[in-house]
Amino acid sequence: MARIPFYTADVFTASRFGGNPLAVVTGADALDDVTLQAVAAEFNLSETTFVLAPVDPANTARVRIFNRTAEMAFAGHPMVGTAFVLAR
């Protein structure tokens, strides 16, 4: 089984274990949709983001957001948290 890096972040807070929790999985290009959903369910957080290579070369990444049961088109705190993780 491949090892894929992930990070957890607490968004909208300066305190550990406060704010909105988020898991960010980087290098997720090799994962299919079923696996993405299973990973999000395993984290059991309100949202998990998956960072993939961009479709458009003008962008630096593509991000998919999943909650425990479904993919989401957009959500604010996951995008803010993912940007924070990627910037670090």
PDB file of N, CA and C in Angstrom:
ATOM      1  N   MET A   1       0.841  -1.183   0.000  1.00  0.00           N
ATOM      2  CA  MET A   1       0.000   0.000   0.000  1.00  0.00           C
ATOM      3  C   MET A   1       0.885   1.244   0.000  1.00  0.00           C
ATOM      4  N   ALA A   2       0.531   2.201  -0.828  1.00  0.00           N
ATOM      5  CA  ALA A   2       1.288   3.445  -0.929  1.00  0.00           C
ATOM      6  C   ALA A   2       1.092   4.310   0.314  1.00  0.00           C
ATOM      7  N   ARG A   3       2.117   5.049   0.642  1.00  0.00           N
ATOM      8  CA  ARG A   3       2.026   6.023   1.738  1.00  0.00           C
ATOM      9  C   ARG A   3       1.778   7.388   1.127  1.00  0.00           C
ATOM     10  N   ILE A   4       0.757   8.049   1.613  1.00  0.00           N
ATOM     11  CA  ILE A   4       0.405   9.367   1.103  1.00  0.00           C
ATOM     12  C   ILE A   4       0.373  10.328   2.283  1.00  0.00           C
ATOM     13  N   PRO A   5       1.088  11.452   2.188  1.00  0.00           N
ATOM     14  CA  PRO A   5       1.144  12.374   3.324  1.00  0.00           C
ATOM     15  C   PRO A   5      -0.200  13.028   3.611  1.00  0.00           C
ATOM     16  N   PHE A   6      -0.430  13.298   4.887  1.00  0.00           N
ATOM     17  CA  PHE A   6      -1.610  14.049   5.287  1.00  0.00           C
ATOM     18  C   PHE A   6      -1.258  14.937   6.469  1.00  0.00           C
ATOM     19  N   TYR A   7      -2.062  15.959   6.652  1.00  0.00           N
ATOM     20  CA  TYR A   7      -1.883  16.921   7.729  1.00  0.00           C
ATOM     21  C   TYR A   7      -3.233  17.163   8.368  1.00  0.00           C
ATOM     22  N   THR A   8      -3.230  17.521   9.620  1.00  0.00           N
ATOM     23  CA  THR A   8      -4.459  17.978  10.254  1.00  0.00           C
ATOM     24  C   THR A   8      -4.249  19.421  10.672  1.00  0.00           C
ATOM     25  N   ALA A   9      -5.317  20.193  10.607  1.00  0.00           N
ATOM     26  CA  ALA A   9      -5.249  21.612  10.948  1.00  0.00           C
ATOM     27  C   ALA A   9      -6.502  21.996  11.716  1.00  0.00           C
ATOM     28  N   ASP A  10      -6.342  22.985  12.571  1.00  0.00           N
ATOM     29  CA  ASP A  10      -7.466  23.587  13.279  1.00  0.00           C
ATOM     30  C   ASP A  10      -7.658  24.974  12.670  1.00  0.00           C
ATOM     31  N   VAL A  11      -8.734  25.143  11.918  1.00  0.00           N
ATOM     32  CA  VAL A  11      -8.970  26.359  11.144  1.00  0.00           C
ATOM     33  C   VAL A  11      -9.775  27.358  11.979  1.00  0.00           C
ATOM     34  N   PHE A  12      -9.489  28.629  11.806  1.00  0.00           N
ATOM     35  CA  PHE A  12     -10.159  29.740  12.488  1.00  0.00           C
ATOM     36  C   PHE A  12      -9.890  29.757  13.989  1.00  0.00           C
ATOM     37  N   THR A  13      -8.680  29.405  14.387  1.00  0.00           N
ATOM     38  CA  THR A  13      -8.303  29.463  15.793  1.00  0.00           C
ATOM     39  C   THR A  13      -6.790  29.571  15.901  1.00  0.00           C
ATOM     40  N   ALA A  14      -6.331  30.054  17.020  1.00  0.00           N
ATOM     41  CA  ALA A  14      -4.898  30.062  17.309  1.00  0.00           C
ATOM     42  C   ALA A  14      -4.557  28.965  18.311  1.00  0.00           C
ATOM     43  N   SER A  15      -5.577  28.220  18.737  1.00  0.00           N
ATOM     44  CA  SER A  15      -5.396  27.193  19.763  1.00  0.00           C
ATOM     45  C   SER A  15      -5.498  25.799  19.178  1.00  0.00           C
ATOM     46  N   ARG A  16      -4.610  24.932  19.620  1.00  0.00           N
ATOM     47  CA  ARG A  16      -4.685  23.530  19.232  1.00  0.00           C
ATOM     48  C   ARG A  16      -5.990  22.932  19.759  1.00  0.00           C
ATOM     49  N   PHE A  17      -6.610  22.096  18.971  1.00  0.00           N
ATOM     50  CA  PHE A  17      -7.870  21.413  19.292  1.00  0.00           C
ATOM     51  C   PHE A  17      -9.049  22.376  19.394  1.00  0.00           C
ATOM     52  N   GLY A  18      -8.925  23.552  18.813  1.00  0.00           N
ATOM     53  CA  GLY A  18     -10.031  24.508  18.757  1.00  0.00           C
ATOM     54  C   GLY A  18     -10.426  24.712  17.306  1.00  0.00           C
ATOM     55  N   GLY A  19     -11.339  25.606  17.060  1.00  0.00           N
ATOM     56  CA  GLY A  19     -11.735  25.935  15.696  1.00  0.00           C
ATOM     57  C   GLY A  19     -12.384  24.777  14.968  1.00  0.00           C
ATOM     58  N   ASN A  20     -12.234  24.781  13.639  1.00  0.00           N
ATOM     59  CA  ASN A  20     -12.824  23.748  12.793  1.00  0.00           C
ATOM     60  C   ASN A  20     -11.733  22.775  12.363  1.00  0.00           C
ATOM     61  N   PRO A  21     -11.809  21.508  12.753  1.00  0.00           N
ATOM     62  CA  PRO A  21     -10.773  20.558  12.364  1.00  0.00           C
ATOM     63  C   PRO A  21     -10.871  20.198  10.878  1.00  0.00           C
ATOM     64  N   LEU A  22      -9.709  19.905  10.301  1.00  0.00           N
ATOM     65  CA  LEU A  22      -9.633  19.581   8.882  1.00  0.00           C
ATOM     66  C   LEU A  22      -8.475  18.623   8.656  1.00  0.00           C
ATOM     67  N   ALA A  23      -8.663  17.643   7.788  1.00  0.00           N
ATOM     68  CA  ALA A  23      -7.566  16.806   7.311  1.00  0.00           C
ATOM     69  C   ALA A  23      -7.265  17.217   5.875  1.00  0.00           C
ATOM     70  N   VAL A  24      -5.977  17.322   5.552  1.00  0.00           N
ATOM     71  CA  VAL A  24      -5.530  17.684   4.209  1.00  0.00           C
ATOM     72  C   VAL A  24      -4.608  16.569   3.715  1.00  0.00           C
ATOM     73  N   VAL A  25      -5.004  15.906   2.643  1.00  0.00           N
ATOM     74  CA  VAL A  25      -4.222  14.817   2.062  1.00  0.00           C
ATOM     75  C   VAL A  25      -3.563  15.354   0.795  1.00  0.00           C
ATOM     76  N   THR A  26      -2.232  15.309   0.750  1.00  0.00           N
ATOM     77  CA  THR A  26      -1.518  15.806  -0.422  1.00  0.00           C
ATOM     78  C   THR A  26      -1.099  14.637  -1.307  1.00  0.00           C
ATOM     79  N   GLY A  27      -0.857  14.923  -2.567  1.00  0.00           N
ATOM     80  CA  GLY A  27      -0.413  13.874  -3.485  1.00  0.00           C
ATOM     81  C   GLY A  27      -1.438  12.777  -3.680  1.00  0.00           C
ATOM     82  N   ALA A  28      -2.697  13.154  -3.767  1.00  0.00           N
ATOM     83  CA  ALA A  28      -3.790  12.177  -3.815  1.00  0.00           C
ATOM     84  C   ALA A  28      -4.177  11.750  -5.222  1.00  0.00           C
ATOM     85  N   ASP A  29      -3.370  12.055  -6.204  1.00  0.00           N
ATOM     86  CA  ASP A  29      -3.732  11.770  -7.596  1.00  0.00           C
ATOM     87  C   ASP A  29      -3.999  10.295  -7.890  1.00  0.00           C
ATOM     88  N   ALA A  30      -3.344   9.398  -7.202  1.00  0.00           N
ATOM     89  CA  ALA A  30      -3.495   7.965  -7.481  1.00  0.00           C
ATOM     90  C   ALA A  30      -4.731   7.356  -6.827  1.00  0.00           C
ATOM     91  N   LEU A  31      -5.451   8.129  -6.026  1.00  0.00           N
ATOM     92  CA  LEU A  31      -6.618   7.589  -5.319  1.00  0.00           C
ATOM     93  C   LEU A  31      -7.883   7.748  -6.150  1.00  0.00           C
ATOM     94  N   ASP A  32      -8.679   6.691  -6.229  1.00  0.00           N
ATOM     95  CA  ASP A  32      -9.950   6.775  -6.944  1.00  0.00           C
ATOM     96  C   ASP A  32     -11.019   7.369  -6.022  1.00  0.00           C
ATOM     97  N   ASP A  33     -12.191   7.656  -6.598  1.00  0.00           N
ATOM     98  CA  ASP A  33     -13.264   8.305  -5.843  1.00  0.00           C
ATOM     99  C   ASP A  33     -13.708   7.492  -4.625  1.00  0.00           C
ATOM    100  N   VAL A  34     -13.786   6.190  -4.765  1.00  0.00           N
ATOM    101  CA  VAL A  34     -14.208   5.330  -3.651  1.00  0.00           C
ATOM    102  C   VAL A  34     -13.196   5.429  -2.504  1.00  0.00           C
ATOM    103  N   THR A  35     -11.927   5.436  -2.844  1.00  0.00           N
ATOM    104  CA  THR A  35     -10.887   5.536  -1.818  1.00  0.00           C
ATOM    105  C   THR A  35     -10.890   6.916  -1.170  1.00  0.00           C
ATOM    106  N   LEU A  36     -11.073   7.966  -1.963  1.00  0.00           N
ATOM    107  CA  LEU A  36     -11.161   9.312  -1.389  1.00  0.00           C
ATOM    108  C   LEU A  36     -12.271   9.376  -0.346  1.00  0.00           C
ATOM    109  N   GLN A  37     -13.428   8.837  -0.690  1.00  0.00           N
ATOM    110  CA  GLN A  37     -14.548   8.856   0.255  1.00  0.00           C
ATOM    111  C   GLN A  37     -14.243   8.011   1.488  1.00  0.00           C
ATOM    112  N   ALA A  38     -13.613   6.866   1.304  1.00  0.00           N
ATOM    113  CA  ALA A  38     -13.277   5.998   2.435  1.00  0.00           C
ATOM    114  C   ALA A  38     -12.271   6.673   3.369  1.00  0.00           C
ATOM    115  N   VAL A  39     -11.306   7.376   2.806  1.00  0.00           N
ATOM    116  CA  VAL A  39     -10.320   8.085   3.628  1.00  0.00           C
ATOM    117  C   VAL A  39     -11.010   9.192   4.429  1.00  0.00           C
ATOM    118  N   ALA A  40     -11.893   9.950   3.783  1.00  0.00           N
ATOM    119  CA  ALA A  40     -12.623  11.002   4.491  1.00  0.00           C
ATOM    120  C   ALA A  40     -13.462  10.419   5.623  1.00  0.00           C
ATOM    121  N   ALA A  41     -14.114   9.307   5.379  1.00  0.00           N
ATOM    122  CA  ALA A  41     -14.908   8.657   6.432  1.00  0.00           C
ATOM    123  C   ALA A  41     -14.016   8.184   7.564  1.00  0.00           C
ATOM    124  N   GLU A  42     -12.836   7.688   7.233  1.00  0.00           N
ATOM    125  CA  GLU A  42     -11.898   7.216   8.259  1.00  0.00           C
ATOM    126  C   GLU A  42     -11.410   8.356   9.147  1.00  0.00           C
ATOM    127  N   PHE A  43     -11.131   9.529   8.560  1.00  0.00           N
ATOM    128  CA  PHE A  43     -10.743  10.670   9.380  1.00  0.00           C
ATOM    129  C   PHE A  43     -11.883  11.099  10.300  1.00  0.00           C
ATOM    130  N   ASN A  44     -13.122  10.968   9.826  1.00  0.00           N
ATOM    131  CA  ASN A  44     -14.310  11.266  10.622  1.00  0.00           C
ATOM    132  C   ASN A  44     -14.354  12.725  11.082  1.00  0.00           C
ATOM    133  N   LEU A  45     -13.844  13.616  10.253  1.00  0.00           N
ATOM    134  CA  LEU A  45     -13.926  15.049  10.521  1.00  0.00           C
ATOM    135  C   LEU A  45     -15.034  15.638   9.657  1.00  0.00           C
ATOM    136  N   SER A  46     -15.383  16.882   9.927  1.00  0.00           N
ATOM    137  CA  SER A  46     -16.452  17.485   9.136  1.00  0.00           C
ATOM    138  C   SER A  46     -16.068  17.569   7.662  1.00  0.00           C
ATOM    139  N   GLU A  47     -14.777  17.829   7.362  1.00  0.00           N
ATOM    140  CA  GLU A  47     -14.302  17.815   5.983  1.00  0.00           C
ATOM    141  C   GLU A  47     -12.858  17.310   5.900  1.00  0.00           C
ATOM    142  N   THR A  48     -12.553  16.714   4.753  1.00  0.00           N
ATOM    143  CA  THR A  48     -11.197  16.311   4.399  1.00  0.00           C
ATOM    144  C   THR A  48     -10.959  16.803   2.980  1.00  0.00           C
ATOM    145  N   THR A  49      -9.805  17.428   2.750  1.00  0.00           N
ATOM    146  CA  THR A  49      -9.482  17.869   1.393  1.00  0.00           C
ATOM    147  C   THR A  49      -8.381  16.996   0.821  1.00  0.00           C
ATOM    148  N   PHE A  50      -8.419  16.864  -0.493  1.00  0.00           N
ATOM    149  CA  PHE A  50      -7.429  16.092  -1.233  1.00  0.00           C
ATOM    150  C   PHE A  50      -6.803  17.009  -2.270  1.00  0.00           C
ATOM    151  N   VAL A  51      -5.496  17.148  -2.210  1.00  0.00           N
ATOM    152  CA  VAL A  51      -4.773  18.025  -3.123  1.00  0.00           C
ATOM    153  C   VAL A  51      -4.251  17.179  -4.279  1.00  0.00           C
ATOM    154  N   LEU A  52      -4.611  17.597  -5.493  1.00  0.00           N
ATOM    155  CA  LEU A  52      -4.244  16.880  -6.711  1.00  0.00           C
ATOM    156  C   LEU A  52      -3.536  17.819  -7.674  1.00  0.00           C
ATOM    157  N   ALA A  53      -2.919  17.261  -8.682  1.00  0.00           N
ATOM    158  CA  ALA A  53      -2.304  18.079  -9.731  1.00  0.00           C
ATOM    159  C   ALA A  53      -3.396  18.887 -10.428  1.00  0.00           C
ATOM    160  N   PRO A  54      -3.060  20.093 -10.880  1.00  0.00           N
ATOM    161  CA  PRO A  54      -4.078  20.919 -11.536  1.00  0.00           C
ATOM    162  C   PRO A  54      -4.449  20.387 -12.914  1.00  0.00           C
ATOM    163  N   VAL A  55      -5.678  20.629 -13.306  1.00  0.00           N
ATOM    164  CA  VAL A  55      -6.130  20.317 -14.667  1.00  0.00           C
ATOM    165  C   VAL A  55      -5.659  21.428 -15.608  1.00  0.00           C
ATOM    166  N   ASP A  56      -5.766  22.665 -15.132  1.00  0.00           N
ATOM    167  CA  ASP A  56      -5.355  23.841 -15.888  1.00  0.00           C
ATOM    168  C   ASP A  56      -3.938  24.229 -15.457  1.00  0.00           C
ATOM    169  N   PRO A  57      -2.979  24.291 -16.377  1.00  0.00           N
ATOM    170  CA  PRO A  57      -1.603  24.619 -15.992  1.00  0.00           C
ATOM    171  C   PRO A  57      -1.442  26.022 -15.397  1.00  0.00           C
ATOM    172  N   ALA A  58      -2.461  26.856 -15.506  1.00  0.00           N
ATOM    173  CA  ALA A  58      -2.407  28.182 -14.897  1.00  0.00           C
ATOM    174  C   ALA A  58      -2.557  28.101 -13.374  1.00  0.00           C
ATOM    175  N   ASN A  59      -3.008  26.953 -12.880  1.00  0.00           N
ATOM    176  CA  ASN A  59      -3.203  26.758 -11.439  1.00  0.00           C
ATOM    177  C   ASN A  59      -2.055  25.935 -10.869  1.00  0.00           C
ATOM    178  N   THR A  60      -1.916  25.986  -9.550  1.00  0.00           N
ATOM    179  CA  THR A  60      -0.851  25.207  -8.901  1.00  0.00           C
ATOM    180  C   THR A  60      -1.363  23.916  -8.283  1.00  0.00           C
ATOM    181  N   ALA A  61      -2.674  23.797  -8.109  1.00  0.00           N
ATOM    182  CA  ALA A  61      -3.241  22.576  -7.522  1.00  0.00           C
ATOM    183  C   ALA A  61      -4.729  22.524  -7.801  1.00  0.00           C
ATOM    184  N   ARG A  62      -5.281  21.338  -7.621  1.00  0.00           N
ATOM    185  CA  ARG A  62      -6.728  21.130  -7.660  1.00  0.00           C
ATOM    186  C   ARG A  62      -7.093  20.536  -6.312  1.00  0.00           C
ATOM    187  N   VAL A  63      -8.198  20.974  -5.743  1.00  0.00           N
ATOM    188  CA  VAL A  63      -8.608  20.507  -4.418  1.00  0.00           C
ATOM    189  C   VAL A  63     -10.013  19.930  -4.495  1.00  0.00           C
ATOM    190  N   ARG A  64     -10.169  18.744  -3.936  1.00  0.00           N
ATOM    191  CA  ARG A  64     -11.500  18.123  -3.809  1.00  0.00           C
ATOM    192  C   ARG A  64     -11.819  18.038  -2.328  1.00  0.00           C
ATOM    193  N   ILE A  65     -13.067  18.308  -1.983  1.00  0.00           N
ATOM    194  CA  ILE A  65     -13.511  18.341  -0.584  1.00  0.00           C
ATOM    195  C   ILE A  65     -14.538  17.242  -0.358  1.00  0.00           C
ATOM    196  N   PHE A  66     -14.328  16.464   0.694  1.00  0.00           N
ATOM    197  CA  PHE A  66     -15.272  15.412   1.068  1.00  0.00           C
ATOM    198  C   PHE A  66     -15.654  15.576   2.528  1.00  0.00           C
ATOM    199  N   ASN A  67     -16.935  15.328   2.828  1.00  0.00           N
ATOM    200  CA  ASN A  67     -17.321  15.159   4.225  1.00  0.00           C
ATOM    201  C   ASN A  67     -17.367  13.661   4.490  1.00  0.00           C
ATOM    202  N   ARG A  68     -17.978  13.239   5.565  1.00  0.00           N
ATOM    203  CA  ARG A  68     -17.974  11.812   5.910  1.00  0.00           C
ATOM    204  C   ARG A  68     -18.697  10.939   4.896  1.00  0.00           C
ATOM    205  N   THR A  69     -19.649  11.524   4.148  1.00  0.00           N
ATOM    206  CA  THR A  69     -20.493  10.700   3.278  1.00  0.00           C
ATOM    207  C   THR A  69     -20.557  11.124   1.812  1.00  0.00           C
ATOM    208  N   ALA A  70     -20.024  12.298   1.461  1.00  0.00           N
ATOM    209  CA  ALA A  70     -20.183  12.769   0.086  1.00  0.00           C
ATOM    210  C   ALA A  70     -19.141  13.819  -0.263  1.00  0.00           C
ATOM    211  N   GLU A  71     -18.928  13.998  -1.570  1.00  0.00           N
ATOM    212  CA  GLU A  71     -18.071  15.085  -2.037  1.00  0.00           C
ATOM    213  C   GLU A  71     -18.864  16.383  -2.005  1.00  0.00           C
ATOM    214  N   MET A  72     -18.159  17.468  -1.739  1.00  0.00           N
ATOM    215  CA  MET A  72     -18.787  18.790  -1.666  1.00  0.00           C
ATOM    216  C   MET A  72     -18.199  19.675  -2.772  1.00  0.00           C
ATOM    217  N   ALA A  73     -19.018  20.511  -3.359  1.00  0.00           N
ATOM    218  CA  ALA A  73     -18.549  21.410  -4.419  1.00  0.00           C
ATOM    219  C   ALA A  73     -17.640  22.499  -3.856  1.00  0.00           C
ATOM    220  N   PHE A  74     -17.946  23.007  -2.677  1.00  0.00           N
ATOM    221  CA  PHE A  74     -17.161  24.078  -2.067  1.00  0.00           C
ATOM    222  C   PHE A  74     -17.515  24.175  -0.590  1.00  0.00           C
ATOM    223  N   ALA A  75     -16.555  24.573   0.198  1.00  0.00           N
ATOM    224  CA  ALA A  75     -16.771  24.909   1.605  1.00  0.00           C
ATOM    225  C   ALA A  75     -15.642  25.836   2.023  1.00  0.00           C
ATOM    226  N   GLY A  76     -15.952  26.822   2.820  1.00  0.00           N
ATOM    227  CA  GLY A  76     -14.988  27.860   3.169  1.00  0.00           C
ATOM    228  C   GLY A  76     -13.822  27.395   4.014  1.00  0.00           C
ATOM    229  N   HIS A  77     -14.110  26.816   5.183  1.00  0.00           N
ATOM    230  CA  HIS A  77     -13.002  26.498   6.087  1.00  0.00           C
ATOM    231  C   HIS A  77     -12.044  25.454   5.513  1.00  0.00           C
ATOM    232  N   PRO A  78     -12.517  24.486   4.718  1.00  0.00           N
ATOM    233  CA  PRO A  78     -11.555  23.564   4.115  1.00  0.00           C
ATOM    234  C   PRO A  78     -10.602  24.257   3.129  1.00  0.00           C
ATOM    235  N   MET A  79     -11.092  25.233   2.396  1.00  0.00           N
ATOM    236  CA  MET A  79     -10.218  25.936   1.453  1.00  0.00           C
ATOM    237  C   MET A  79      -9.200  26.799   2.194  1.00  0.00           C
ATOM    238  N   VAL A  80      -9.643  27.480   3.255  1.00  0.00           N
ATOM    239  CA  VAL A  80      -8.722  28.294   4.052  1.00  0.00           C
ATOM    240  C   VAL A  80      -7.657  27.396   4.695  1.00  0.00           C
ATOM    241  N   GLY A  81      -8.086  26.291   5.286  1.00  0.00           N
ATOM    242  CA  GLY A  81      -7.154  25.379   5.936  1.00  0.00           C
ATOM    243  C   GLY A  81      -6.190  24.734   4.956  1.00  0.00           C
ATOM    244  N   THR A  82      -6.668  24.364   3.778  1.00  0.00           N
ATOM    245  CA  THR A  82      -5.800  23.757   2.767  1.00  0.00           C
ATOM    246  C   THR A  82      -4.768  24.765   2.284  1.00  0.00           C
ATOM    247  N   ALA A  83      -5.182  26.005   2.064  1.00  0.00           N
ATOM    248  CA  ALA A  83      -4.240  27.056   1.656  1.00  0.00           C
ATOM    249  C   ALA A  83      -3.173  27.239   2.733  1.00  0.00           C
ATOM    250  N   PHE A  84      -3.559  27.223   3.984  1.00  0.00           N
ATOM    251  CA  PHE A  84      -2.604  27.352   5.095  1.00  0.00           C
ATOM    252  C   PHE A  84      -1.589  26.211   5.070  1.00  0.00           C
ATOM    253  N   VAL A  85      -2.070  24.991   4.927  1.00  0.00           N
ATOM    254  CA  VAL A  85      -1.171  23.835   4.905  1.00  0.00           C
ATOM    255  C   VAL A  85      -0.218  23.915   3.719  1.00  0.00           C
ATOM    256  N   LEU A  86      -0.738  24.241   2.542  1.00  0.00           N
ATOM    257  CA  LEU A  86       0.110  24.303   1.352  1.00  0.00           C
ATOM    258  C   LEU A  86       1.138  25.448   1.435  1.00  0.00           C
ATOM    259  N   ALA A  87       0.768  26.540   2.061  1.00  0.00           N
ATOM    260  CA  ALA A  87       1.679  27.690   2.177  1.00  0.00           C
ATOM    261  C   ALA A  87       2.835  27.395   3.121  1.00  0.00           C
ATOM    262  N   ARG A  88       2.624  26.479   4.061  1.00  0.00           N
ATOM    263  CA  ARG A  88       3.684  26.145   5.022  1.00  0.00           C
ATOM    264  C   ARG A  88       4.679  25.228   4.377  1.00  0.00           C
TER     265      ARG A  88
END
